Amino acid sequence: MLKVLSYQVSDSIDIKLFRSSFKEGIYHSDADELFYKTGEESFLYVFKYGVVCFLNYTEREIHAYLEKIAPFCKNLFDQKLNEEFEVYPNARENKFGYNKIEIINADAETLRLIMLNVSQSVALDYYSEQTNKLQEETSYHIQNLERLGRLAISGTKLKKFIGKTLNLKNRISENLYIFDSPPETWENENLNRIDLELKRTFDLQERFRDIREGLEIVKENLELCKDLLQYRNSTFLEWIIIILVFLEVLNLVIDKLFK
């Protein structure tokens, strides 16, 4: 049995800089990911969206590699989301379970595909967690609007919250490719079947849709809050103008009375 362990270690990893420092054992690489063969049945997968995946590593080896990767990470996490998956090679036929797979041929491309899907699942867990936090915070402000009839948040804080939401939405959009099938599956029927079954096993597409819909709800609520804030500011400016006009008229009246 081979064990796959995937970790969301940070917001992102500098792939280009990491590759320049760790060149030995590279099996596949592009601008977004690095796949290393480090032993007879040991592999390491590093993704720019902050995920690192290990196959057939001990806990001590994993800890050592995570320390090496840390300097190349942006916003390194103290608590790392992780997912574990078991691979049983040399099976009579390919079978898929809740947290395991039995495969006939455990070659490098098949193992890479498995590690890719496990890593996608961890990334979705992270984005789902971030989206839920945004939804909870947005819901709090909307409830205050219902209860008080006004927004209980300053314009600056609201703008920062909108920025945080758009930043997360943009990060997910930038990494949309992670949910696509790799080019190798287009030319290999066996790899394509394995990829489709793994996506069903991890429920990747449905989970991604949930995240996207959640972010759209947050965005709609924030646009409402932004419109209300603009209305509040506009009303405030109108009152300032009215007061200034009143003072000017009052000043003219007083001047005439005293003359």
C-alpha atoms as a PDB file:
ATOM      1  CA  MET A   1       0.000   0.000   0.000  1.00  0.00           C
ATOM      2  CA  LEU A   2       1.234   3.496  -0.884  1.00  0.00           C
ATOM      3  CA  LYS A   3       0.037   6.478   1.131  1.00  0.00           C
ATOM      4  CA  VAL A   4      -0.683   9.908  -0.383  1.00  0.00           C
ATOM      5  CA  LEU A   5      -0.619  12.905   1.983  1.00  0.00           C
ATOM      6  CA  SER A   6      -1.481  16.364   0.692  1.00  0.00           C
ATOM      7  CA  TYR A   7      -1.126  19.630   2.655  1.00  0.00           C
ATOM      8  CA  GLN A   8      -2.361  23.171   2.096  1.00  0.00           C
ATOM      9  CA  VAL A   9       0.663  24.930   3.579  1.00  0.00           C
ATOM     10  CA  SER A  10       0.176  28.551   2.405  1.00  0.00           C
ATOM     11  CA  ASP A  11      -1.695  30.921   0.103  1.00  0.00           C
ATOM     12  CA  SER A  12       0.864  30.330  -2.646  1.00  0.00           C
ATOM     13  CA  ILE A  13       4.316  28.935  -3.429  1.00  0.00           C
ATOM     14  CA  ASP A  14       6.892  30.560  -5.700  1.00  0.00           C
ATOM     15  CA  ILE A  15       7.327  27.705  -8.194  1.00  0.00           C
ATOM     16  CA  LYS A  16       9.977  29.417 -10.293  1.00  0.00           C
ATOM     17  CA  LEU A  17      12.220  30.188  -7.316  1.00  0.00           C
ATOM     18  CA  PHE A  18      11.675  26.741  -5.801  1.00  0.00           C
ATOM     19  CA  ARG A  19      12.672  25.022  -9.021  1.00  0.00           C
ATOM     20  CA  SER A  20      15.881  27.034  -9.275  1.00  0.00           C
ATOM     21  CA  SER A  21      16.854  25.766  -5.814  1.00  0.00           C
ATOM     22  CA  PHE A  22      15.647  22.147  -6.164  1.00  0.00           C
ATOM     23  CA  LYS A  23      16.382  20.731  -9.615  1.00  0.00           C
ATOM     24  CA  GLU A  24      17.226  17.109  -8.858  1.00  0.00           C
ATOM     25  CA  GLY A  25      14.558  14.513  -9.606  1.00  0.00           C
ATOM     26  CA  ILE A  26      12.171  16.739 -11.604  1.00  0.00           C
ATOM     27  CA  TYR A  27       9.825  14.481 -13.591  1.00  0.00           C
ATOM     28  CA  HIS A  28       7.369  17.141 -14.812  1.00  0.00           C
ATOM     29  CA  SER A  29       7.264  20.912 -14.487  1.00  0.00           C
ATOM     30  CA  ASP A  30       5.510  24.009 -15.765  1.00  0.00           C
ATOM     31  CA  ALA A  31       4.792  27.498 -14.477  1.00  0.00           C
ATOM     32  CA  ASP A  32       2.211  26.246 -11.975  1.00  0.00           C
ATOM     33  CA  GLU A  33       3.507  22.930 -10.611  1.00  0.00           C
ATOM     34  CA  LEU A  34       6.550  20.731 -10.016  1.00  0.00           C
ATOM     35  CA  PHE A  35       6.479  16.942  -9.868  1.00  0.00           C
ATOM     36  CA  TYR A  36       9.529  15.125  -8.480  1.00  0.00           C
ATOM     37  CA  LYS A  37      10.462  11.462  -8.443  1.00  0.00           C
ATOM     38  CA  THR A  38      12.595  11.158  -5.324  1.00  0.00           C
ATOM     39  CA  GLY A  39      12.796   7.369  -4.996  1.00  0.00           C
ATOM     40  CA  GLU A  40      11.689   4.088  -6.550  1.00  0.00           C
ATOM     41  CA  GLU A  41       8.106   4.632  -5.341  1.00  0.00           C
ATOM     42  CA  SER A  42       8.404   8.088  -3.755  1.00  0.00           C
ATOM     43  CA  PHE A  43       7.054  11.270  -5.357  1.00  0.00           C
ATOM     44  CA  LEU A  44       6.705  14.927  -4.400  1.00  0.00           C
ATOM     45  CA  TYR A  45       4.205  17.333  -5.995  1.00  0.00           C
ATOM     46  CA  VAL A  46       4.389  21.108  -5.399  1.00  0.00           C
ATOM     47  CA  PHE A  47       1.656  23.499  -6.608  1.00  0.00           C
ATOM     48  CA  LYS A  48       1.692  27.275  -6.904  1.00  0.00           C
ATOM     49  CA  TYR A  49      -1.661  27.520  -5.066  1.00  0.00           C
ATOM     50  CA  GLY A  50       0.057  26.529  -1.818  1.00  0.00           C
ATOM     51  CA  VAL A  51      -0.377  22.739  -1.797  1.00  0.00           C
ATOM     52  CA  VAL A  52       2.372  20.146  -1.314  1.00  0.00           C
ATOM     53  CA  CYS A  53       1.644  16.451  -1.880  1.00  0.00           C
ATOM     54  CA  PHE A  54       3.735  13.448  -0.812  1.00  0.00           C
ATOM     55  CA  LEU A  55       3.549   9.826  -1.884  1.00  0.00           C
ATOM     56  CA  ASN A  56       5.278   7.091   0.121  1.00  0.00           C
ATOM     57  CA  TYR A  57       7.028   9.425   2.594  1.00  0.00           C
ATOM     58  CA  THR A  58       7.533   8.959   6.343  1.00  0.00           C
ATOM     59  CA  GLU A  59       6.320  11.641   8.761  1.00  0.00           C
ATOM     60  CA  ARG A  60       9.901  12.672   9.466  1.00  0.00           C
ATOM     61  CA  GLU A  61      10.658  13.047   5.749  1.00  0.00           C
ATOM     62  CA  ILE A  62       7.474  15.078   5.228  1.00  0.00           C
ATOM     63  CA  HIS A  63       8.366  17.407   8.078  1.00  0.00           C
ATOM     64  CA  ALA A  64      11.888  17.896   6.659  1.00  0.00           C
ATOM     65  CA  TYR A  65      10.569  18.730   3.172  1.00  0.00           C
ATOM     66  CA  LEU A  66       7.958  21.153   4.510  1.00  0.00           C
ATOM     67  CA  GLU A  67      10.735  23.041   6.289  1.00  0.00           C
ATOM     68  CA  LYS A  68      12.665  23.262   3.003  1.00  0.00           C
ATOM     69  CA  ILE A  69       9.589  24.539   1.171  1.00  0.00           C
ATOM     70  CA  ALA A  70       8.609  27.120   3.836  1.00  0.00           C
ATOM     71  CA  PRO A  71      10.934  29.942   2.613  1.00  0.00           C
ATOM     72  CA  PHE A  72       9.225  29.844  -0.802  1.00  0.00           C
ATOM     73  CA  CYS A  73       5.717  30.208   0.648  1.00  0.00           C
ATOM     74  CA  LYS A  74       3.567  33.324   0.868  1.00  0.00           C
ATOM     75  CA  ASN A  75       1.539  33.545   4.088  1.00  0.00           C
ATOM     76  CA  LEU A  76       2.659  30.234   5.601  1.00  0.00           C
ATOM     77  CA  PHE A  77      -0.066  28.596   7.728  1.00  0.00           C
ATOM     78  CA  ASP A  78       0.400  27.428  11.309  1.00  0.00           C
ATOM     79  CA  GLN A  79      -2.486  24.980  10.969  1.00  0.00           C
ATOM     80  CA  LYS A  80      -2.271  23.030   7.707  1.00  0.00           C
ATOM     81  CA  LEU A  81      -5.289  21.430   6.074  1.00  0.00           C
ATOM     82  CA  ASN A  82      -4.444  17.936   4.883  1.00  0.00           C
ATOM     83  CA  GLU A  83      -5.958  14.911   3.207  1.00  0.00           C
ATOM     84  CA  GLU A  84      -4.859  11.289   3.175  1.00  0.00           C
ATOM     85  CA  PHE A  85      -5.465   8.750   0.423  1.00  0.00           C
ATOM     86  CA  GLU A  86      -4.367   5.124   0.011  1.00  0.00           C
ATOM     87  CA  VAL A  87      -3.151   3.546  -3.219  1.00  0.00           C
ATOM     88  CA  TYR A  88      -3.118  -0.228  -3.685  1.00  0.00           C
ATOM     89  CA  PRO A  89      -1.053  -1.167  -6.769  1.00  0.00           C
ATOM     90  CA  ASN A  90      -1.006  -4.431  -8.767  1.00  0.00           C
ATOM     91  CA  ALA A  91      -4.768  -4.926  -8.519  1.00  0.00           C
ATOM     92  CA  ARG A  92      -6.726  -7.095 -10.965  1.00  0.00           C
ATOM     93  CA  GLU A  93      -8.883  -4.110 -11.908  1.00  0.00           C
ATOM     94  CA  ASN A  94      -9.213  -0.449 -11.037  1.00  0.00           C
ATOM     95  CA  LYS A  95     -11.500   0.075  -8.040  1.00  0.00           C
ATOM     96  CA  PHE A  96     -12.377   3.312  -6.258  1.00  0.00           C
ATOM     97  CA  GLY A  97     -13.276   3.654  -2.589  1.00  0.00           C
ATOM     98  CA  TYR A  98     -14.016   6.493  -0.186  1.00  0.00           C
ATOM     99  CA  ASN A  99     -10.366   7.168   0.661  1.00  0.00           C
ATOM    100  CA  LYS A 100      -8.534   4.588  -1.421  1.00  0.00           C
ATOM    101  CA  ILE A 101      -7.950   3.313  -4.930  1.00  0.00           C
ATOM    102  CA  GLU A 102      -6.895  -0.065  -6.302  1.00  0.00           C
ATOM    103  CA  ILE A 103      -5.053   0.239  -9.602  1.00  0.00           C
ATOM    104  CA  ILE A 104      -3.670  -2.208 -12.123  1.00  0.00           C
ATOM    105  CA  ASN A 105      -0.731  -0.121 -13.263  1.00  0.00           C
ATOM    106  CA  ALA A 106       0.996   2.152 -10.740  1.00  0.00           C
ATOM    107  CA  ASP A 107       3.239   4.005 -13.180  1.00  0.00           C
ATOM    108  CA  ALA A 108       4.449   7.564 -12.604  1.00  0.00           C
ATOM    109  CA  GLU A 109       1.702   9.206 -14.693  1.00  0.00           C
ATOM    110  CA  THR A 110      -1.077   7.347 -12.884  1.00  0.00           C
ATOM    111  CA  LEU A 111       0.375   8.170  -9.474  1.00  0.00           C
ATOM    112  CA  ARG A 112       0.790  11.794 -10.501  1.00  0.00           C
ATOM    113  CA  LEU A 113      -2.875  11.926 -11.537  1.00  0.00           C
ATOM    114  CA  ILE A 114      -3.942  10.516  -8.169  1.00  0.00           C
ATOM    115  CA  MET A 115      -1.767  13.027  -6.283  1.00  0.00           C
ATOM    116  CA  LEU A 116      -3.186  15.842  -8.419  1.00  0.00           C
ATOM    117  CA  ASN A 117      -6.787  14.993  -7.498  1.00  0.00           C
ATOM    118  CA  VAL A 118      -5.983  14.641  -3.784  1.00  0.00           C
ATOM    119  CA  SER A 119      -4.280  18.046  -3.914  1.00  0.00           C
ATOM    120  CA  GLN A 120      -7.253  19.611  -5.685  1.00  0.00           C
ATOM    121  CA  SER A 121      -9.480  18.274  -2.924  1.00  0.00           C
ATOM    122  CA  VAL A 122      -7.322  19.912  -0.227  1.00  0.00           C
ATOM    123  CA  ALA A 123      -7.332  23.216  -2.140  1.00  0.00           C
ATOM    124  CA  LEU A 124     -11.136  23.086  -2.328  1.00  0.00           C
ATOM    125  CA  ASP A 125     -11.319  22.495   1.439  1.00  0.00           C
ATOM    126  CA  TYR A 126      -9.252  25.625   1.976  1.00  0.00           C
ATOM    127  CA  TYR A 127     -11.258  27.801  -0.423  1.00  0.00           C
ATOM    128  CA  SER A 128     -14.501  26.469   1.032  1.00  0.00           C
ATOM    129  CA  GLU A 129     -13.350  27.386   4.534  1.00  0.00           C
ATOM    130  CA  GLN A 130     -12.411  30.916   3.417  1.00  0.00           C
ATOM    131  CA  THR A 131     -15.707  31.348   1.560  1.00  0.00           C
ATOM    132  CA  ASN A 132     -17.708  30.260   4.635  1.00  0.00           C
ATOM    133  CA  LYS A 133     -15.901  32.846   6.763  1.00  0.00           C
ATOM    134  CA  LEU A 134     -16.769  35.575   4.268  1.00  0.00           C
ATOM    135  CA  GLN A 135     -20.397  34.440   4.168  1.00  0.00           C
ATOM    136  CA  GLU A 136     -20.629  34.497   7.970  1.00  0.00           C
ATOM    137  CA  GLU A 137     -19.181  38.010   8.167  1.00  0.00           C
ATOM    138  CA  THR A 138     -21.417  39.268   5.366  1.00  0.00           C
ATOM    139  CA  SER A 139     -24.439  37.679   7.026  1.00  0.00           C
ATOM    140  CA  TYR A 140     -23.586  39.518  10.268  1.00  0.00           C
ATOM    141  CA  HIS A 141     -23.665  42.907   8.525  1.00  0.00           C
ATOM    142  CA  ILE A 142     -26.896  42.068   6.670  1.00  0.00           C
ATOM    143  CA  GLN A 143     -28.543  41.030   9.971  1.00  0.00           C
ATOM    144  CA  ASN A 144     -27.488  44.350  11.499  1.00  0.00           C
ATOM    145  CA  LEU A 145     -29.029  46.120   8.514  1.00  0.00           C
ATOM    146  CA  GLU A 146     -32.309  44.264   9.117  1.00  0.00           C
ATOM    147  CA  ARG A 147     -32.236  44.942  12.873  1.00  0.00           C
ATOM    148  CA  LEU A 148     -31.022  48.550  12.912  1.00  0.00           C
ATOM    149  CA  GLY A 149     -32.140  49.773   9.498  1.00  0.00           C
ATOM    150  CA  ARG A 150     -28.616  50.942   8.735  1.00  0.00           C
ATOM    151  CA  LEU A 151     -25.117  49.583   8.200  1.00  0.00           C
ATOM    152  CA  ALA A 152     -23.194  49.246  11.449  1.00  0.00           C
ATOM    153  CA  ILE A 153     -19.813  49.447   9.697  1.00  0.00           C
ATOM    154  CA  SER A 154     -17.640  52.347   8.623  1.00  0.00           C
ATOM    155  CA  GLY A 155     -16.904  53.051   4.986  1.00  0.00           C
ATOM    156  CA  THR A 156     -13.221  52.181   5.378  1.00  0.00           C
ATOM    157  CA  LYS A 157     -13.931  48.808   7.008  1.00  0.00           C
ATOM    158  CA  LEU A 158     -16.519  47.972   4.355  1.00  0.00           C
ATOM    159  CA  LYS A 159     -14.034  48.788   1.591  1.00  0.00           C
ATOM    160  CA  LYS A 160     -11.417  46.552   3.226  1.00  0.00           C
ATOM    161  CA  PHE A 161     -13.941  43.728   3.490  1.00  0.00           C
ATOM    162  CA  ILE A 162     -14.913  44.146  -0.173  1.00  0.00           C
ATOM    163  CA  GLY A 163     -11.219  44.058  -1.081  1.00  0.00           C
ATOM    164  CA  LYS A 164     -10.699  40.845   0.905  1.00  0.00           C
ATOM    165  CA  THR A 165     -13.660  39.221  -0.833  1.00  0.00           C
ATOM    166  CA  LEU A 166     -12.534  40.233  -4.321  1.00  0.00           C
ATOM    167  CA  ASN A 167      -8.982  39.086  -3.544  1.00  0.00           C
ATOM    168  CA  LEU A 168     -10.206  35.592  -2.633  1.00  0.00           C
ATOM    169  CA  LYS A 169     -12.476  35.489  -5.692  1.00  0.00           C
ATOM    170  CA  ASN A 170      -9.555  36.467  -7.922  1.00  0.00           C
ATOM    171  CA  ARG A 171      -7.273  33.831  -6.378  1.00  0.00           C
ATOM    172  CA  ILE A 172      -9.843  31.138  -7.077  1.00  0.00           C
ATOM    173  CA  SER A 173     -10.303  32.399 -10.645  1.00  0.00           C
ATOM    174  CA  GLU A 174      -6.537  32.370 -11.194  1.00  0.00           C
ATOM    175  CA  ASN A 175      -6.411  28.741 -10.100  1.00  0.00           C
ATOM    176  CA  LEU A 176      -9.397  27.511 -12.107  1.00  0.00           C
ATOM    177  CA  TYR A 177      -7.028  25.352 -14.125  1.00  0.00           C
ATOM    178  CA  ILE A 178      -6.534  23.052 -11.126  1.00  0.00           C
ATOM    179  CA  PHE A 179     -10.000  21.641 -11.663  1.00  0.00           C
ATOM    180  CA  ASP A 180      -9.391  20.798 -15.308  1.00  0.00           C
ATOM    181  CA  SER A 181      -8.127  17.420 -16.433  1.00  0.00           C
ATOM    182  CA  PRO A 182      -4.415  17.413 -17.334  1.00  0.00           C
ATOM    183  CA  PRO A 183      -3.517  17.132 -21.045  1.00  0.00           C
ATOM    184  CA  GLU A 184      -2.210  13.567 -20.537  1.00  0.00           C
ATOM    185  CA  THR A 185      -5.771  12.326 -19.941  1.00  0.00           C
ATOM    186  CA  TRP A 186      -6.886  13.538 -23.376  1.00  0.00           C
ATOM    187  CA  GLU A 187      -4.623  11.059 -25.111  1.00  0.00           C
ATOM    188  CA  ASN A 188      -4.808   8.128 -22.703  1.00  0.00           C
ATOM    189  CA  GLU A 189      -8.194   6.465 -22.238  1.00  0.00           C
ATOM    190  CA  ASN A 190      -7.134   4.649 -19.059  1.00  0.00           C
ATOM    191  CA  LEU A 191      -5.871   7.851 -17.424  1.00  0.00           C
ATOM    192  CA  ASN A 192      -9.040   9.652 -18.480  1.00  0.00           C
ATOM    193  CA  ARG A 193     -11.257   7.018 -16.799  1.00  0.00           C
ATOM    194  CA  ILE A 194      -9.189   7.166 -13.618  1.00  0.00           C
ATOM    195  CA  ASP A 195      -9.347  10.975 -13.607  1.00  0.00           C
ATOM    196  CA  LEU A 196     -13.136  11.026 -14.036  1.00  0.00           C
ATOM    197  CA  GLU A 197     -13.646   8.472 -11.268  1.00  0.00           C
ATOM    198  CA  LEU A 198     -11.347  10.358  -8.902  1.00  0.00           C
ATOM    199  CA  LYS A 199     -13.224  13.582  -9.564  1.00  0.00           C
ATOM    200  CA  ARG A 200     -16.438  11.777  -8.660  1.00  0.00           C
ATOM    201  CA  THR A 201     -14.819  10.242  -5.573  1.00  0.00           C
ATOM    202  CA  PHE A 202     -13.717  13.648  -4.281  1.00  0.00           C
ATOM    203  CA  ASP A 203     -16.838  15.414  -5.619  1.00  0.00           C
ATOM    204  CA  LEU A 204     -14.584  18.140  -7.034  1.00  0.00           C
ATOM    205  CA  GLN A 205     -16.964  19.776  -9.504  1.00  0.00           C
ATOM    206  CA  GLU A 206     -19.881  20.008  -7.079  1.00  0.00           C
ATOM    207  CA  ARG A 207     -17.695  21.440  -4.330  1.00  0.00           C
ATOM    208  CA  PHE A 208     -16.254  23.996  -6.725  1.00  0.00           C
ATOM    209  CA  ARG A 209     -19.766  25.076  -7.787  1.00  0.00           C
ATOM    210  CA  ASP A 210     -20.724  25.524  -4.117  1.00  0.00           C
ATOM    211  CA  ILE A 211     -17.717  27.796  -3.557  1.00  0.00           C
ATOM    212  CA  ARG A 212     -18.452  29.839  -6.674  1.00  0.00           C
ATOM    213  CA  GLU A 213     -22.126  30.237  -5.726  1.00  0.00           C
ATOM    214  CA  GLY A 214     -21.156  31.204  -2.175  1.00  0.00           C
ATOM    215  CA  LEU A 215     -18.816  33.898  -3.458  1.00  0.00           C
ATOM    216  CA  GLU A 216     -21.517  35.224  -5.796  1.00  0.00           C
ATOM    217  CA  ILE A 217     -23.903  35.576  -2.838  1.00  0.00           C
ATOM    218  CA  VAL A 218     -21.231  37.423  -0.865  1.00  0.00           C
ATOM    219  CA  LYS A 219     -20.551  39.668  -3.860  1.00  0.00           C
ATOM    220  CA  GLU A 220     -24.255  40.525  -4.287  1.00  0.00           C
ATOM    221  CA  ASN A 221     -24.589  41.398  -0.591  1.00  0.00           C
ATOM    222  CA  LEU A 222     -21.455  43.547  -0.714  1.00  0.00           C
ATOM    223  CA  GLU A 223     -22.735  45.423  -3.763  1.00  0.00           C
ATOM    224  CA  LEU A 224     -25.926  46.184  -1.807  1.00  0.00           C
ATOM    225  CA  CYS A 225     -23.851  47.407   1.146  1.00  0.00           C
ATOM    226  CA  LYS A 226     -21.710  49.527  -1.183  1.00  0.00           C
ATOM    227  CA  ASP A 227     -24.816  51.135  -2.731  1.00  0.00           C
ATOM    228  CA  LEU A 228     -26.214  51.904   0.726  1.00  0.00           C
ATOM    229  CA  LEU A 229     -22.883  53.381   1.781  1.00  0.00           C
ATOM    230  CA  GLN A 230     -22.800  55.588  -1.321  1.00  0.00           C
ATOM    231  CA  TYR A 231     -26.382  56.680  -0.603  1.00  0.00           C
ATOM    232  CA  ARG A 232     -25.431  57.479   2.996  1.00  0.00           C
ATOM    233  CA  ASN A 233     -22.433  59.516   1.862  1.00  0.00           C
ATOM    234  CA  SER A 234     -24.519  61.265  -0.790  1.00  0.00           C
ATOM    235  CA  THR A 235     -27.196  62.157   1.776  1.00  0.00           C
ATOM    236  CA  PHE A 236     -24.525  63.426   4.159  1.00  0.00           C
ATOM    237  CA  LEU A 237     -23.069  65.664   1.442  1.00  0.00           C
ATOM    238  CA  GLU A 238     -26.542  66.981   0.566  1.00  0.00           C
ATOM    239  CA  TRP A 239     -27.123  67.978   4.194  1.00  0.00           C
ATOM    240  CA  ILE A 240     -23.750  69.719   4.286  1.00  0.00           C
ATOM    241  CA  ILE A 241     -24.694  71.703   1.168  1.00  0.00           C
ATOM    242  CA  ILE A 242     -28.111  72.570   2.638  1.00  0.00           C
ATOM    243  CA  ILE A 243     -26.512  73.757   5.881  1.00  0.00           C
ATOM    244  CA  LEU A 244     -23.923  75.841   4.003  1.00  0.00           C
ATOM    245  CA  VAL A 245     -26.659  77.446   1.864  1.00  0.00           C
ATOM    246  CA  PHE A 246     -28.733  78.141   4.990  1.00  0.00           C
ATOM    247  CA  LEU A 247     -25.757  79.757   6.719  1.00  0.00           C
ATOM    248  CA  GLU A 248     -25.057  81.886   3.661  1.00  0.00           C
ATOM    249  CA  VAL A 249     -28.709  83.044   3.511  1.00  0.00           C
ATOM    250  CA  LEU A 250     -28.714  83.671   7.259  1.00  0.00           C
ATOM    251  CA  ASN A 251     -25.555  85.727   6.915  1.00  0.00           C
ATOM    252  CA  LEU A 252     -27.148  87.859   4.186  1.00  0.00           C
ATOM    253  CA  VAL A 253     -30.301  88.407   6.290  1.00  0.00           C
ATOM    254  CA  ILE A 254     -28.266  89.458   9.320  1.00  0.00           C
ATOM    255  CA  ASP A 255     -26.190  91.863   7.213  1.00  0.00           C
ATOM    256  CA  LYS A 256     -29.345  93.516   5.856  1.00  0.00           C
ATOM    257  CA  LEU A 257     -30.978  93.794   9.284  1.00  0.00           C
ATOM    258  CA  PHE A 258     -27.970  95.451  10.844  1.00  0.00           C
ATOM    259  CA  LYS A 259     -27.544  97.840   7.925  1.00  0.00           C
END
